[in-house]
Amino acid sequence: MLAFALSFDEVIVTTFTAGQQSTLPIWIFSQLVRPRDRPVTNVVATIVILITFLPIFFAQKISAELSDTEGGSK
């Protein structure tokens, strides 16, 4: 829930500090307000979720393997 709340804060901060540049959070937010390319927005959101999820998944797998290895030797 904290990550969800902070993601909204980042859009607001980016909106005020980006100036004329179009960053990814600003682009996604503008697509939510005025949807023009909804399938493209869905694909980008899915890619962002996967980029976030994959390192967490692999870190959890490595951590689980290490804990199994340490637990088996005791």
N, C-alpha and C. Protein backbone atom coordinates (compact mmCIF):
# COMPACT_ATOMS: atom_id res chain seq x y z
N MET A 1 0.83 -1.19 0.00
CA MET A 1 0.00 0.00 0.00
C MET A 1 0.88 1.26 0.00
N LEU A 2 2.02 1.17 0.67
CA LEU A 2 2.92 2.31 0.71
C LEU A 2 3.47 2.61 -0.69
N ALA A 3 3.85 1.57 -1.42
CA ALA A 3 4.36 1.77 -2.78
C ALA A 3 3.29 2.37 -3.68
N PHE A 4 2.06 1.94 -3.51
CA PHE A 4 0.96 2.49 -4.29
C PHE A 4 0.77 3.97 -4.01
N ALA A 5 0.81 4.34 -2.74
CA ALA A 5 0.65 5.76 -2.37
C ALA A 5 1.83 6.59 -2.86
N LEU A 6 3.04 6.06 -2.76
CA LEU A 6 4.22 6.80 -3.22
C LEU A 6 4.24 6.97 -4.73
N SER A 7 3.68 6.01 -5.46
CA SER A 7 3.65 6.14 -6.92
C SER A 7 2.82 7.33 -7.35
N PHE A 8 1.73 7.61 -6.65
CA PHE A 8 0.94 8.79 -6.96
C PHE A 8 1.71 10.06 -6.61
N ASP A 9 2.47 10.03 -5.54
CA ASP A 9 3.27 11.18 -5.15
C ASP A 9 4.34 11.46 -6.21
N GLU A 10 4.93 10.43 -6.76
CA GLU A 10 5.98 10.62 -7.77
C GLU A 10 5.43 11.28 -9.03
N VAL A 11 4.19 10.97 -9.41
CA VAL A 11 3.59 11.61 -10.58
C VAL A 11 3.44 13.10 -10.34
N ILE A 12 3.02 13.46 -9.16
CA ILE A 12 2.84 14.88 -8.84
C ILE A 12 4.18 15.59 -8.82
N VAL A 13 5.18 15.00 -8.18
CA VAL A 13 6.51 15.61 -8.13
C VAL A 13 7.09 15.73 -9.53
N THR A 14 6.94 14.70 -10.34
CA THR A 14 7.45 14.73 -11.71
C THR A 14 6.74 15.78 -12.54
N THR A 15 5.45 15.94 -12.34
CA THR A 15 4.70 16.94 -13.08
C THR A 15 5.23 18.34 -12.80
N PHE A 16 5.57 18.62 -11.56
CA PHE A 16 6.05 19.96 -11.21
C PHE A 16 7.51 20.19 -11.59
N THR A 17 8.31 19.14 -11.63
CA THR A 17 9.74 19.34 -11.86
C THR A 17 10.21 19.01 -13.28
N ALA A 18 9.36 18.39 -14.10
CA ALA A 18 9.81 17.96 -15.42
C ALA A 18 9.90 19.10 -16.43
N GLY A 19 9.14 20.15 -16.25
CA GLY A 19 9.15 21.23 -17.22
C GLY A 19 8.45 20.80 -18.50
N GLN A 20 9.12 20.96 -19.65
CA GLN A 20 8.54 20.63 -20.94
C GLN A 20 8.80 19.19 -21.36
N GLN A 21 9.58 18.46 -20.59
CA GLN A 21 9.90 17.08 -20.95
C GLN A 21 8.71 16.16 -20.64
N SER A 22 8.57 15.13 -21.44
CA SER A 22 7.53 14.14 -21.21
C SER A 22 8.18 12.87 -20.67
N THR A 23 8.04 12.65 -19.38
CA THR A 23 8.61 11.46 -18.75
C THR A 23 7.57 10.34 -18.76
N LEU A 24 7.99 9.14 -18.40
CA LEU A 24 7.07 8.00 -18.40
C LEU A 24 5.89 8.20 -17.45
N PRO A 25 6.08 8.64 -16.21
CA PRO A 25 4.92 8.86 -15.34
C PRO A 25 3.95 9.90 -15.89
N ILE A 26 4.48 10.96 -16.48
CA ILE A 26 3.60 11.99 -17.05
C ILE A 26 2.85 11.44 -18.25
N TRP A 27 3.53 10.65 -19.09
CA TRP A 27 2.86 10.07 -20.25
C TRP A 27 1.74 9.12 -19.84
N ILE A 28 2.02 8.25 -18.87
CA ILE A 28 0.99 7.31 -18.41
C ILE A 28 -0.17 8.07 -17.78
N PHE A 29 0.11 9.09 -17.00
CA PHE A 29 -0.95 9.88 -16.38
C PHE A 29 -1.79 10.59 -17.43
N SER A 30 -1.16 11.14 -18.45
CA SER A 30 -1.93 11.81 -19.50
C SER A 30 -2.78 10.81 -20.29
N GLN A 31 -2.31 9.58 -20.43
CA GLN A 31 -3.10 8.55 -21.10
C GLN A 31 -4.30 8.14 -20.25
N LEU A 32 -4.17 8.21 -18.94
CA LEU A 32 -5.30 7.88 -18.07
C LEU A 32 -6.36 8.97 -18.11
N VAL A 33 -5.90 10.22 -18.20
CA VAL A 33 -6.84 11.34 -18.21
C VAL A 33 -7.55 11.44 -19.55
N ARG A 34 -6.79 11.37 -20.64
CA ARG A 34 -7.33 11.45 -21.99
C ARG A 34 -6.87 10.23 -22.79
N PRO A 35 -7.59 9.12 -22.68
CA PRO A 35 -7.11 7.89 -23.34
C PRO A 35 -7.19 8.00 -24.87
N ARG A 36 -6.05 7.85 -25.50
CA ARG A 36 -5.98 7.83 -26.96
C ARG A 36 -5.49 6.46 -27.42
N ASP A 37 -4.46 5.98 -26.81
CA ASP A 37 -3.86 4.70 -27.18
C ASP A 37 -3.90 3.76 -25.99
N ARG A 38 -5.09 3.32 -25.63
CA ARG A 38 -5.24 2.49 -24.44
C ARG A 38 -4.45 1.18 -24.53
N PRO A 39 -4.42 0.47 -25.67
CA PRO A 39 -3.62 -0.76 -25.72
C PRO A 39 -2.13 -0.50 -25.50
N VAL A 40 -1.62 0.60 -26.03
CA VAL A 40 -0.21 0.93 -25.84
C VAL A 40 0.06 1.22 -24.37
N THR A 41 -0.84 1.92 -23.74
CA THR A 41 -0.68 2.22 -22.31
C THR A 41 -0.70 0.93 -21.49
N ASN A 42 -1.56 0.01 -21.84
CA ASN A 42 -1.61 -1.27 -21.12
C ASN A 42 -0.32 -2.06 -21.29
N VAL A 43 0.23 -2.06 -22.48
CA VAL A 43 1.48 -2.78 -22.73
C VAL A 43 2.62 -2.15 -21.93
N VAL A 44 2.70 -0.82 -21.94
CA VAL A 44 3.76 -0.13 -21.18
C VAL A 44 3.62 -0.42 -19.69
N ALA A 45 2.40 -0.39 -19.18
CA ALA A 45 2.19 -0.68 -17.75
C ALA A 45 2.58 -2.11 -17.42
N THR A 46 2.28 -3.05 -18.31
CA THR A 46 2.65 -4.44 -18.09
C THR A 46 4.17 -4.61 -18.09
N ILE A 47 4.84 -3.94 -19.00
CA ILE A 47 6.31 -4.02 -19.05
C ILE A 47 6.93 -3.44 -17.78
N VAL A 48 6.38 -2.32 -17.31
CA VAL A 48 6.90 -1.72 -16.07
C VAL A 48 6.69 -2.67 -14.90
N ILE A 49 5.55 -3.32 -14.84
CA ILE A 49 5.28 -4.26 -13.76
C ILE A 49 6.24 -5.44 -13.84
N LEU A 50 6.49 -5.96 -15.04
CA LEU A 50 7.42 -7.08 -15.18
C LEU A 50 8.85 -6.69 -14.83
N ILE A 51 9.26 -5.51 -15.25
CA ILE A 51 10.61 -5.04 -14.92
C ILE A 51 10.77 -4.90 -13.41
N THR A 52 9.71 -4.55 -12.74
CA THR A 52 9.75 -4.43 -11.28
C THR A 52 9.67 -5.80 -10.62
N PHE A 53 8.86 -6.69 -11.16
CA PHE A 53 8.60 -7.98 -10.53
C PHE A 53 9.75 -8.97 -10.69
N LEU A 54 10.38 -9.00 -11.84
CA LEU A 54 11.41 -10.01 -12.10
C LEU A 54 12.60 -9.96 -11.14
N PRO A 55 13.21 -8.81 -10.87
CA PRO A 55 14.32 -8.82 -9.90
C PRO A 55 13.87 -9.25 -8.49
N ILE A 56 12.67 -8.86 -8.11
CA ILE A 56 12.16 -9.27 -6.79
C ILE A 56 11.96 -10.78 -6.75
N PHE A 57 11.43 -11.35 -7.82
CA PHE A 57 11.21 -12.79 -7.90
C PHE A 57 12.53 -13.55 -7.82
N PHE A 58 13.53 -13.11 -8.59
CA PHE A 58 14.81 -13.80 -8.58
C PHE A 58 15.53 -13.63 -7.24
N ALA A 59 15.41 -12.49 -6.60
CA ALA A 59 16.02 -12.29 -5.29
C ALA A 59 15.37 -13.21 -4.26
N GLN A 60 14.06 -13.39 -4.37
CA GLN A 60 13.37 -14.29 -3.44
C GLN A 60 13.81 -15.73 -3.66
N LYS A 61 13.95 -16.14 -4.92
CA LYS A 61 14.40 -17.50 -5.22
C LYS A 61 15.81 -17.75 -4.69
N ILE A 62 16.70 -16.79 -4.90
CA ILE A 62 18.08 -16.93 -4.40
C ILE A 62 18.09 -16.99 -2.88
N SER A 63 17.29 -16.15 -2.25
CA SER A 63 17.21 -16.14 -0.79
C SER A 63 16.66 -17.47 -0.26
N ALA A 64 15.66 -18.01 -0.94
CA ALA A 64 15.09 -19.28 -0.51
C ALA A 64 16.09 -20.42 -0.68
N GLU A 65 16.85 -20.40 -1.77
CA GLU A 65 17.86 -21.44 -1.97
C GLU A 65 18.97 -21.36 -0.93
N LEU A 66 19.37 -20.14 -0.58
CA LEU A 66 20.40 -19.99 0.43
C LEU A 66 19.92 -20.43 1.80
N SER A 67 18.66 -20.13 2.12
CA SER A 67 18.15 -20.55 3.43
C SER A 67 17.96 -22.07 3.48
N ASP A 68 17.59 -22.69 2.35
CA ASP A 68 17.49 -24.15 2.32
C ASP A 68 18.86 -24.79 2.48
N THR A 69 19.87 -24.21 1.86
CA THR A 69 21.23 -24.74 1.96
C THR A 69 21.75 -24.62 3.39
N GLU A 70 21.51 -23.47 4.01
CA GLU A 70 21.99 -23.28 5.38
C GLU A 70 21.21 -24.16 6.34
N GLY A 71 19.91 -24.33 6.14
CA GLY A 71 19.10 -25.16 7.03
C GLY A 71 19.44 -26.62 6.93
N GLY A 72 19.85 -27.11 5.75
CA GLY A 72 20.17 -28.52 5.56
C GLY A 72 21.49 -28.92 6.19
N SER A 73 22.39 -27.99 6.38
CA SER A 73 23.72 -28.32 6.93
C SER A 73 23.73 -28.31 8.44
N LYS A 74 22.66 -27.85 9.06
CA LYS A 74 22.64 -27.76 10.52
C LYS A 74 22.17 -29.05 11.13
